Amino acid sequence: SFSPPLFLPHSPPLSLLFWLFLSLFCFFKVKRVLGSMLARDQPDALRGAGVAKLEELSLCQLPTIKGTQLSSRGAAFASLTTIHVAQCDSLHQLTFHGWSSLIQVSVQQCGRLAEVIARECPRLASVALEACGNIDRVDIVAEQLMDFSLTSCTIKHLNIESSQLRELSITGAMQLPSSSINLHCEHLHNVSLLRSTELVEGHFRQIFQACPSIEHLAVSGCVKLVEMAVPASVLSLHLSNCRKLQRVVLAEHCSLRKLSLATLPKLPSAHGLSLVERNKHCLEELEICGLLKVPELSLHCPLLKQLVIRQCRDLTSAGLHCEQLSCFKLQACPRLSQLHLGVPKLRQLQIVRDTAIMSLTKLHLACSQVKFLARLLPQYCPRLKELTLTGSFLNSARLNSVVQTLPHLQSVILDHCMLLGKLADEAKAVGTLQLPAGNRTVAIILQHTQFFQD
């Protein structure tokens, strides 16, 4: 206990500063003494009324602490809810058995940590391990666990059992040939497995069987994975950098809303496109990256809202008919010369400028909103020769601006469009237009176009 001094400074600011200084001094003193005693594995560190009421404990840069006393004296921390351990180079084990109040565990940069066990912790909700080197065993059995993240750690044996866990993120684990993973999480929805090189088909079968509610699955850098069977519960599938993956089998009633296929050199392009074709009526987001030997691409996805096409180096022609598309990104398709966009609701067009769009000479855009054409096309498609607009409403000034800013443009086809302004009167009279643009003339071809005056 602490008794306040008899004398305090009279002015409020000085009094506040005095108490602040005293509080900080006491805090660091208690932390230093407790940490030093734990480092020497002294049982006295875990005695006394103060420890029983401690709610948060942070152990940082204690080079000799091994964790044996901390692991064996959980009853002394009856009120502890949060424990954070960082940069304790000799820490070997952390065992939380019967810690009744523990809610959150965070361990960072403890390179010799070999074992993390948590059992009979009824309130444990979050466990995070980061940059802890080679861990032999992680065993978490906690019904209330809702968040588990593993970053930059190599784990030999991983076991997690929880009925409340919703998200699981593992990065850089499962990199040893003898690694094992056991998950029993009936309500697990989101799973991210990144750079886990030893994960193969058997691991995924076990995960899907023990976790029947997975809806969002991201797998990247699993270099030994050859085939994956995706259960019907999955709605979002992201596969990338799995260089041996050759086949993806979807369950009979699997309907994907989000699909990403990126840098899968062994996956036949026809097989990847068959996954898109099978889910074309339910896909809302689609990313296609690295398709080889595919000169032509045709997509008919009525619910698709976001589309990314990148690094398809053999692609020369693409036809996209997506009525709900609002965002389209195109990158690194250097041979693409023809593009047909049937996107009446397109609001955002993003084209990453590189050799891909320098080859684009023909563009067919079926879109009612064409306000961005005069600004974007000269910048991203400077070699465009033929432009076709379908279902667009545009005035004479906007049409003339497009013509003047595309130096290689030869013709513009207006199909079922509505033309407003002085050009409308001339076009209505002669049925066609010839617009001068510097030392050239651009032909405006009218097909089923309506004319309106200002």
Foldseek 3Di string as FASTA:
>chain_A
DDDDDPDADDDVVRRVVVVVVVVVVVVVVLLVVLLVCQLVLHLVSLDDPVQCQDAEHEAEQSQRHAAPSVQVPLVSNQRHAEYEYENHANHAEHHAEQNARHAEYYYYQHQRHAEYYYDNHARHAEYEYENHEEYAEYAYEYANHAYYEAYNYEYQEYEYAYQRHAEYYHEQYQADLNRAYAYQYQNHAYYAAELNQNDEAVRQVRVCVRHVQHAAYAYANNQPYAEYEAEQNHAAYHYEHNARHAYYHYPPNRAHQYYEDEHHNNHQLVRVVVVCVVNLARHAYYEDYQHEPDQEEEGARANHAEYEYEHHQNHAEYAYAYANHAEYEYYHNQRHAYYEANYANHNYYHYDADNNLQNHAYYEYEYQDDPCQLPPCCVRNLQHAEYEYEAYEDEPVVVLSNVQSRPNYAEYEYAQYEYEEDVLVVCVVVVWDWDDHPPGIHTYHYHNYHYYYD
